[in-house]
Amino acid sequence: MLYKTPIMDHYQGEDYIKGRGAQINPANPFDNNHLDQEGQVWRDEDEMASLRQTQYLETHPKSILNKVKSPDLGFEYSMNPYQGCEHGCIYCYARNSHTYWGYSAGIEFEQKILVKKSAPAILEAKIKSKNWKPFPIMFSGNTDCYQPAEREFRITRQMLEVLWKHRHPVSIITKSGLILRDLDILEDMAKLHLLKVAISLTTLNETLRLKLEPRAASGQKRLDTVKKLSEAGIPVCVMLAPIIPSLNDIEIPLMAKEASTAGARSLSYTTVRLNGDVGIIFKDWLLKNYPDKYNRVMHQIENIHGGKISDSRFGTRMRGEGNIADIIAQQIKLARLTHFKDRTTPNYNTDLYEQLKNPQMKLFD
């Protein structure tokens, strides 16, 4: 049984764009020439329709692997088949990266999706290179590799086929049930300890989820995905991410319990942080959806991050600090003791990649 968090009715004006998380397009900080639309409170029907539509734009990257420098994340490289994400999660830190491509972190992050069709070939060339070592690579270090675009383009599927061909370890974080489409490859990889999956879970309250993550899977769908992956022998971690004070923090005990029941082997979390344009976008969204909660939510986010709404410091940015952050941490600790005690996740196997790449190593077995 899923918990229904009591949330007061919200007000959304006629210009509210249903099906999108962000309701504004902040100016790109790298663009010196932009139209200032401050104070504009109307949109015509043609503009409203265009903002609901998604555009897929092919791009041609020179590389697909990103070196991860953060000690908070626990993996060496990430890769993203898509830039921008149609899920529309209002809190997403990856929104800021869209500005480097010449777009806004707001609606355009959800609407203009860059598609990297050449990613599988670039990935294979990299992991076949002479000096490459089999560090585990993280799918979706920035945007979800199983977002709606994947149904059409199947780039994630092709990249998994490359990794399986070379017996290369990989981890995946997603909030989409589309991952089950690739269960055939994932199951084989898990049997050889080449795979770990993290399912992101934010809320089990559908009223909140539809506004917070308008085009993502429901909480129940994500739990069903955890269950099916676990039954297939795939190690799954559930990420409660992000925890937003006064919006979804009350759900921590229930989400942890449901994740455990579904078969997850571990539980992790992050607290919300509103770096860059995400702060502008989130504040606008909060005021339009939950004006009665606006002051409380923003003050509590500030409490977590030392009086600010953002934090880039390694070691504290993901979890926060202060009394509210401590309360959240204690709830997670109790949930782990109650529901995840004695559950383990196997280590990655990198030997198979080395053996395929260097067959002569078998002579020394």
Protein backbone atom coordinates (compact mmCIF):
# COMPACT_ATOMS: atom_id res chain seq x y z
CA MET A 1 0.00 0.00 0.00
CA LEU A 2 1.44 3.34 -1.04
CA TYR A 3 1.45 6.32 1.25
CA LYS A 4 -0.48 9.44 0.24
CA THR A 5 1.27 12.55 1.50
CA PRO A 6 -1.36 15.22 2.30
CA ILE A 7 -0.60 18.19 0.08
CA MET A 8 -2.84 21.23 -0.25
CA ASP A 9 -4.37 22.18 -3.57
CA HIS A 10 -2.11 24.23 -5.79
CA TYR A 11 -2.84 27.05 -8.20
CA GLN A 12 -1.67 26.91 -11.80
CA GLY A 13 -2.51 29.77 -14.13
CA GLU A 14 -3.71 29.42 -17.71
CA ASP A 15 -0.14 29.71 -18.97
CA TYR A 16 1.02 26.64 -17.00
CA ILE A 17 2.58 24.11 -19.39
CA LYS A 18 1.22 20.70 -18.44
CA GLY A 19 3.61 17.85 -19.09
CA ARG A 20 6.68 19.99 -18.44
CA GLY A 21 8.54 20.43 -15.18
CA ALA A 22 10.15 23.81 -15.82
CA GLN A 23 7.76 26.62 -16.65
CA ILE A 24 10.37 29.17 -17.73
CA ASN A 25 13.48 29.42 -19.87
CA PRO A 26 16.16 31.35 -17.97
CA ALA A 27 18.53 33.22 -20.26
CA ASN A 28 21.62 31.27 -21.29
CA PRO A 29 24.52 32.80 -19.32
CA PHE A 30 26.83 32.35 -22.33
CA ASP A 31 24.53 34.30 -24.65
CA ASN A 32 25.07 38.04 -24.52
CA ASN A 33 22.06 38.71 -26.72
CA HIS A 34 18.71 37.55 -25.37
CA LEU A 35 15.16 38.82 -25.12
CA ASP A 36 14.19 39.88 -21.61
CA GLN A 37 10.69 38.48 -21.02
CA GLU A 38 10.44 39.42 -17.37
CA GLY A 39 6.85 40.16 -16.44
CA GLN A 40 5.34 38.29 -19.38
CA VAL A 41 2.34 36.38 -18.05
CA TRP A 42 0.67 35.20 -21.25
CA ARG A 43 1.37 32.89 -24.14
CA ASP A 44 -0.66 32.34 -27.28
CA GLU A 45 -1.93 28.89 -28.22
CA ASP A 46 0.72 28.29 -30.89
CA GLU A 47 3.51 28.98 -28.41
CA MET A 48 1.90 26.75 -25.76
CA ALA A 49 1.65 23.90 -28.27
CA SER A 50 5.28 24.30 -29.37
CA LEU A 51 6.51 24.21 -25.78
CA ARG A 52 4.80 20.85 -25.25
CA GLN A 53 6.55 19.30 -28.25
CA THR A 54 9.91 17.55 -28.03
CA GLN A 55 12.64 17.94 -30.64
CA TYR A 56 15.37 15.36 -31.23
CA LEU A 57 18.56 16.91 -32.58
CA GLU A 58 21.47 14.74 -33.71
CA THR A 59 24.90 15.77 -32.49
CA HIS A 60 28.35 14.38 -33.25
CA PRO A 61 30.56 14.14 -30.14
CA LYS A 62 34.27 13.45 -30.40
CA SER A 63 34.21 11.40 -27.20
CA ILE A 64 31.54 9.70 -25.12
CA LEU A 65 33.32 8.96 -21.83
CA ASN A 66 33.57 11.69 -19.21
CA LYS A 67 36.26 11.50 -16.56
CA VAL A 68 34.62 11.89 -13.15
CA LYS A 69 36.67 14.00 -10.75
CA SER A 70 34.24 14.05 -7.84
CA PRO A 71 35.18 11.83 -4.85
CA ASP A 72 31.49 11.78 -3.89
CA LEU A 73 30.40 9.53 -6.74
CA GLY A 74 32.46 6.36 -6.55
CA PHE A 75 33.02 5.72 -10.26
CA GLU A 76 35.74 6.70 -12.71
CA TYR A 77 33.83 7.46 -15.91
CA SER A 78 30.29 8.33 -17.00
CA MET A 79 28.60 8.32 -20.40
CA ASN A 80 25.39 9.85 -21.65
CA PRO A 81 23.77 8.82 -24.96
CA TYR A 82 21.51 11.88 -24.74
CA GLN A 83 21.92 15.50 -23.63
CA GLY A 84 18.81 17.04 -22.13
CA CYS A 85 16.07 14.88 -20.63
CA GLU A 86 12.38 14.70 -21.39
CA HIS A 87 11.53 13.40 -17.91
CA GLY A 88 11.44 17.04 -16.85
CA CYS A 89 12.56 16.58 -13.24
CA ILE A 90 12.40 20.08 -11.82
CA TYR A 91 15.37 19.62 -9.46
CA CYS A 92 17.79 18.05 -11.97
CA TYR A 93 21.37 19.32 -11.60
CA ALA A 94 22.05 18.37 -15.23
CA ARG A 95 19.90 21.27 -16.41
CA ASN A 96 22.89 23.56 -16.05
CA SER A 97 24.89 21.52 -18.57
CA HIS A 98 22.38 22.32 -21.33
CA THR A 99 23.62 25.90 -21.41
CA TYR A 100 26.99 24.71 -22.77
CA TRP A 101 25.15 23.56 -25.88
CA GLY A 102 23.53 26.95 -26.41
CA TYR A 103 20.15 26.18 -24.83
CA SER A 104 18.31 27.16 -21.68
CA ALA A 105 18.33 25.04 -18.55
CA GLY A 106 14.56 25.47 -18.33
CA ILE A 107 11.94 24.18 -20.76
CA GLU A 108 14.55 23.71 -23.50
CA PHE A 109 16.37 21.14 -21.34
CA GLU A 110 13.23 18.98 -21.56
CA GLN A 111 12.25 19.95 -25.08
CA LYS A 112 15.46 19.94 -27.11
CA ILE A 113 17.13 16.53 -26.74
CA LEU A 114 20.54 16.02 -28.32
CA VAL A 115 20.96 12.49 -29.67
CA LYS A 116 24.42 10.91 -29.93
CA LYS A 117 23.93 8.20 -32.56
CA SER A 118 27.66 7.64 -32.95
CA ALA A 119 28.11 6.86 -29.24
CA PRO A 120 28.31 3.03 -29.57
CA ALA A 121 31.13 3.21 -32.14
CA ILE A 122 33.03 5.81 -30.12
CA LEU A 123 32.65 3.70 -26.97
CA GLU A 124 33.94 0.55 -28.68
CA ALA A 125 36.96 2.34 -30.09
CA LYS A 126 37.81 3.67 -26.64
CA ILE A 127 37.56 0.42 -24.70
CA LYS A 128 39.50 -1.42 -27.42
CA SER A 129 42.38 1.04 -27.22
CA LYS A 130 45.72 -0.30 -26.11
CA ASN A 131 46.00 1.53 -22.80
CA TRP A 132 42.39 1.27 -21.65
CA LYS A 133 41.81 -0.30 -18.23
CA PRO A 134 38.39 -1.75 -17.31
CA PHE A 135 37.15 0.86 -14.88
CA PRO A 136 33.40 0.52 -14.25
CA ILE A 137 31.55 3.08 -16.36
CA MET A 138 28.33 4.75 -15.21
CA PHE A 139 25.44 5.14 -17.62
CA SER A 140 23.45 8.34 -16.94
CA GLY A 141 25.96 10.34 -14.97
CA ASN A 142 24.13 13.37 -16.34
CA THR A 143 20.81 12.51 -18.03
CA ASP A 144 18.74 9.32 -18.02
CA CYS A 145 19.92 6.80 -20.62
CA TYR A 146 16.41 5.24 -20.66
CA GLN A 147 14.48 8.48 -21.18
CA PRO A 148 11.71 8.42 -23.85
CA ALA A 149 14.16 9.05 -26.71
CA GLU A 150 15.68 5.60 -26.11
CA ARG A 151 12.50 3.89 -27.36
CA GLU A 152 13.17 5.31 -30.80
CA PHE A 153 16.95 5.48 -31.04
CA ARG A 154 18.06 2.44 -28.95
CA ILE A 155 21.51 3.95 -28.38
CA THR A 156 21.73 2.65 -24.82
CA ARG A 157 20.90 -0.84 -26.09
CA GLN A 158 23.68 -0.65 -28.70
CA MET A 159 26.19 0.55 -26.11
CA LEU A 160 25.25 -2.31 -23.80
CA GLU A 161 25.86 -4.72 -26.68
CA VAL A 162 29.36 -3.26 -27.06
CA LEU A 163 30.07 -3.62 -23.35
CA TRP A 164 28.76 -7.19 -23.26
CA LYS A 165 30.82 -8.10 -26.32
CA HIS A 166 33.97 -7.01 -24.50
CA ARG A 167 32.83 -8.25 -21.07
CA HIS A 168 33.27 -4.73 -19.70
CA PRO A 169 31.76 -3.77 -16.31
CA VAL A 170 29.10 -1.06 -16.20
CA SER A 171 26.61 0.51 -13.84
CA ILE A 172 23.29 2.12 -14.73
CA ILE A 173 21.17 4.66 -12.91
CA THR A 174 17.67 5.28 -14.22
CA LYS A 175 14.10 5.96 -13.16
CA SER A 176 12.58 4.32 -16.23
CA GLY A 177 10.93 0.95 -16.61
CA LEU A 178 12.30 0.85 -20.17
CA ILE A 179 15.42 -0.78 -18.73
CA LEU A 180 13.45 -4.05 -18.63
CA ARG A 181 13.49 -4.13 -22.43
CA ASP A 182 17.18 -5.01 -22.20
CA LEU A 183 16.78 -7.68 -19.56
CA ASP A 184 18.36 -10.31 -21.83
CA ILE A 185 21.73 -8.54 -21.87
CA LEU A 186 21.51 -7.27 -18.30
CA GLU A 187 20.83 -10.72 -16.92
CA ASP A 188 23.84 -12.20 -18.72
CA MET A 189 26.09 -9.40 -17.51
CA ALA A 190 24.89 -9.76 -13.92
CA LYS A 191 25.68 -13.47 -13.91
CA LEU A 192 29.33 -12.58 -14.57
CA HIS A 193 29.34 -9.68 -12.07
CA LEU A 194 29.66 -7.07 -14.80
CA LEU A 195 26.60 -5.00 -13.86
CA LYS A 196 25.02 -2.98 -11.06
CA VAL A 197 21.79 -0.99 -11.38
CA ALA A 198 20.47 1.92 -9.34
CA ILE A 199 16.81 2.90 -9.57
CA SER A 200 16.07 6.47 -8.56
CA LEU A 201 12.94 6.86 -6.42
CA THR A 202 11.70 10.31 -5.39
CA THR A 203 8.14 9.87 -4.19
CA LEU A 204 5.26 7.40 -4.00
CA ASN A 205 2.76 10.25 -4.05
CA GLU A 206 1.49 10.46 -7.62
CA THR A 207 0.06 13.95 -7.16
CA LEU A 208 3.51 15.22 -6.25
CA ARG A 209 5.34 13.05 -8.81
CA LEU A 210 3.28 14.35 -11.74
CA LYS A 211 4.42 17.89 -10.99
CA LEU A 212 7.95 17.09 -9.81
CA GLU A 213 8.86 14.63 -12.60
CA PRO A 214 6.04 14.99 -15.17
CA ARG A 215 7.25 12.53 -17.83
CA ALA A 216 9.01 10.00 -15.63
CA ALA A 217 7.65 6.64 -14.45
CA SER A 218 5.39 6.46 -11.42
CA GLY A 219 6.83 5.40 -8.08
CA GLN A 220 4.96 2.10 -8.29
CA LYS A 221 6.34 1.44 -11.77
CA ARG A 222 9.86 1.95 -10.43
CA LEU A 223 9.26 -0.48 -7.57
CA ASP A 224 7.92 -3.02 -10.07
CA THR A 225 11.12 -2.50 -12.07
CA VAL A 226 13.26 -3.11 -8.98
CA LYS A 227 11.33 -6.32 -8.35
CA LYS A 228 11.75 -7.67 -11.89
CA LEU A 229 15.44 -6.80 -12.03
CA SER A 230 16.05 -8.39 -8.63
CA GLU A 231 14.18 -11.54 -9.59
CA ALA A 232 16.50 -11.78 -12.61
CA GLY A 233 19.52 -11.79 -10.30
CA ILE A 234 20.57 -8.21 -11.04
CA PRO A 235 21.91 -6.31 -8.00
CA VAL A 236 19.81 -3.19 -7.49
CA CYS A 237 20.38 -0.16 -5.28
CA VAL A 238 17.45 2.19 -4.70
CA MET A 239 18.46 5.86 -4.64
CA LEU A 240 16.09 8.11 -2.72
CA ALA A 241 16.97 11.18 -4.71
CA PRO A 242 16.63 13.91 -4.03
CA ILE A 243 15.16 14.28 -0.57
CA ILE A 244 13.39 17.66 -0.52
CA PRO A 245 12.42 18.90 2.96
CA SER A 246 8.67 19.40 3.45
CA LEU A 247 7.89 17.77 0.09
CA ASN A 248 9.03 14.14 0.18
CA ASP A 249 11.13 13.69 3.35
CA ILE A 250 8.12 12.29 5.21
CA GLU A 251 8.15 9.35 2.76
CA ILE A 252 11.64 8.06 3.59
CA PRO A 253 10.53 5.19 5.88
CA LEU A 254 7.88 3.95 3.47
CA MET A 255 10.02 4.26 0.35
CA ALA A 256 12.81 2.34 2.08
CA LYS A 257 10.42 -0.40 3.17
CA GLU A 258 8.89 -0.73 -0.30
CA ALA A 259 12.33 -0.80 -1.92
CA SER A 260 13.42 -3.60 0.39
CA THR A 261 10.24 -5.58 -0.26
CA ALA A 262 10.85 -5.23 -4.00
CA GLY A 263 14.27 -6.85 -3.56
CA ALA A 264 16.76 -3.97 -3.58
CA ARG A 265 20.08 -4.92 -2.02
CA SER A 266 21.05 -1.46 -0.80
CA LEU A 267 19.71 2.03 -0.16
CA SER A 268 21.32 5.38 -0.84
CA TYR A 269 20.17 9.00 -1.01
CA THR A 270 20.98 12.60 -1.84
CA THR A 271 19.45 15.84 -0.62
CA VAL A 272 18.30 18.51 -3.05
CA ARG A 273 20.73 21.24 -4.06
CA LEU A 274 19.79 24.02 -6.42
CA ASN A 275 22.96 25.08 -8.20
CA GLY A 276 22.97 27.67 -10.98
CA ASP A 277 19.81 28.12 -13.01
CA VAL A 278 18.17 25.17 -11.24
CA GLY A 279 17.54 27.50 -8.30
CA ILE A 280 15.63 29.96 -10.50
CA ILE A 281 13.63 27.20 -12.17
CA PHE A 282 12.80 25.40 -8.92
CA LYS A 283 11.67 28.57 -7.13
CA ASP A 284 9.35 29.44 -10.01
CA TRP A 285 7.94 25.90 -10.04
CA LEU A 286 7.46 25.82 -6.26
CA LEU A 287 5.66 29.16 -6.22
CA LYS A 288 3.31 28.06 -8.99
CA ASN A 289 2.56 24.62 -7.56
CA TYR A 290 2.85 24.90 -3.77
CA PRO A 291 2.77 28.59 -2.82
CA ASP A 292 1.67 27.72 0.74
CA LYS A 293 4.85 25.67 1.19
CA TYR A 294 7.24 28.03 -0.59
CA ASN A 295 8.85 29.73 2.43
CA ARG A 296 9.12 26.57 4.48
CA VAL A 297 10.69 24.49 1.71
CA MET A 298 13.21 27.17 0.72
CA HIS A 299 14.23 27.91 4.31
CA GLN A 300 14.79 24.21 4.99
CA ILE A 301 16.87 23.79 1.83
CA GLU A 302 18.97 26.73 3.05
CA ASN A 303 19.32 25.01 6.42
CA ILE A 304 20.80 21.96 4.70
CA HIS A 305 23.37 23.97 2.76
CA GLY A 306 24.70 26.44 5.29
CA GLY A 307 22.28 29.26 4.52
CA LYS A 308 22.42 28.81 0.73
CA ILE A 309 20.31 26.80 -1.69
CA SER A 310 23.35 25.43 -3.53
CA ASP A 311 26.55 23.68 -2.56
CA SER A 312 29.51 22.54 -4.66
CA ARG A 313 31.78 21.35 -1.87
CA PHE A 314 32.96 17.78 -2.15
CA GLY A 315 31.96 15.76 0.88
CA THR A 316 28.93 17.85 1.85
CA ARG A 317 27.11 18.79 -1.35
CA MET A 318 25.27 15.47 -1.77
CA ARG A 319 24.03 15.05 1.80
CA GLY A 320 24.18 18.55 3.32
CA GLU A 321 24.85 19.48 6.92
CA GLY A 322 22.99 20.92 9.90
CA ASN A 323 20.07 19.65 11.94
CA ILE A 324 17.68 18.87 9.07
CA ALA A 325 20.39 17.03 7.14
CA ASP A 326 21.20 15.08 10.31
CA ILE A 327 17.55 14.06 10.73
CA ILE A 328 17.45 12.81 7.14
CA ALA A 329 20.71 10.90 7.63
CA GLN A 330 19.37 9.25 10.80
CA GLN A 331 16.21 8.16 9.00
CA ILE A 332 18.30 6.56 6.26
CA LYS A 333 20.52 4.85 8.83
CA LEU A 334 17.49 3.41 10.62
CA ALA A 335 15.96 2.28 7.32
CA ARG A 336 19.14 0.43 6.39
CA LEU A 337 19.31 -1.31 9.75
CA THR A 338 15.63 -2.24 9.58
CA HIS A 339 15.27 -3.30 5.96
CA PHE A 340 18.72 -3.89 4.43
CA LYS A 341 20.75 -5.56 7.15
CA ASP A 342 23.03 -8.35 5.87
CA ARG A 343 22.26 -7.63 2.20
CA THR A 344 25.35 -7.48 0.00
CA THR A 345 26.31 -6.51 -3.54
CA PRO A 346 29.06 -8.41 -5.39
CA ASN A 347 32.21 -6.65 -6.57
CA TYR A 348 32.80 -6.03 -10.25
CA ASN A 349 34.66 -8.64 -12.27
CA THR A 350 37.32 -7.01 -14.47
CA ASP A 351 39.25 -10.19 -15.24
CA LEU A 352 37.00 -11.21 -18.16
CA TYR A 353 37.71 -8.02 -20.06
CA GLU A 354 41.45 -8.48 -19.56
CA GLN A 355 41.28 -12.08 -20.75
CA LEU A 356 39.40 -11.16 -23.93
CA LYS A 357 41.76 -8.30 -24.66
CA ASN A 358 44.89 -10.28 -23.82
CA PRO A 359 44.26 -14.00 -24.51
CA GLN A 360 47.84 -14.84 -23.54
CA MET A 361 46.96 -14.08 -19.92
CA LYS A 362 45.21 -17.44 -19.77
CA LEU A 363 48.60 -19.13 -20.07
CA PHE A 364 49.37 -17.95 -16.55
CA ASP A 365 46.14 -19.26 -14.95
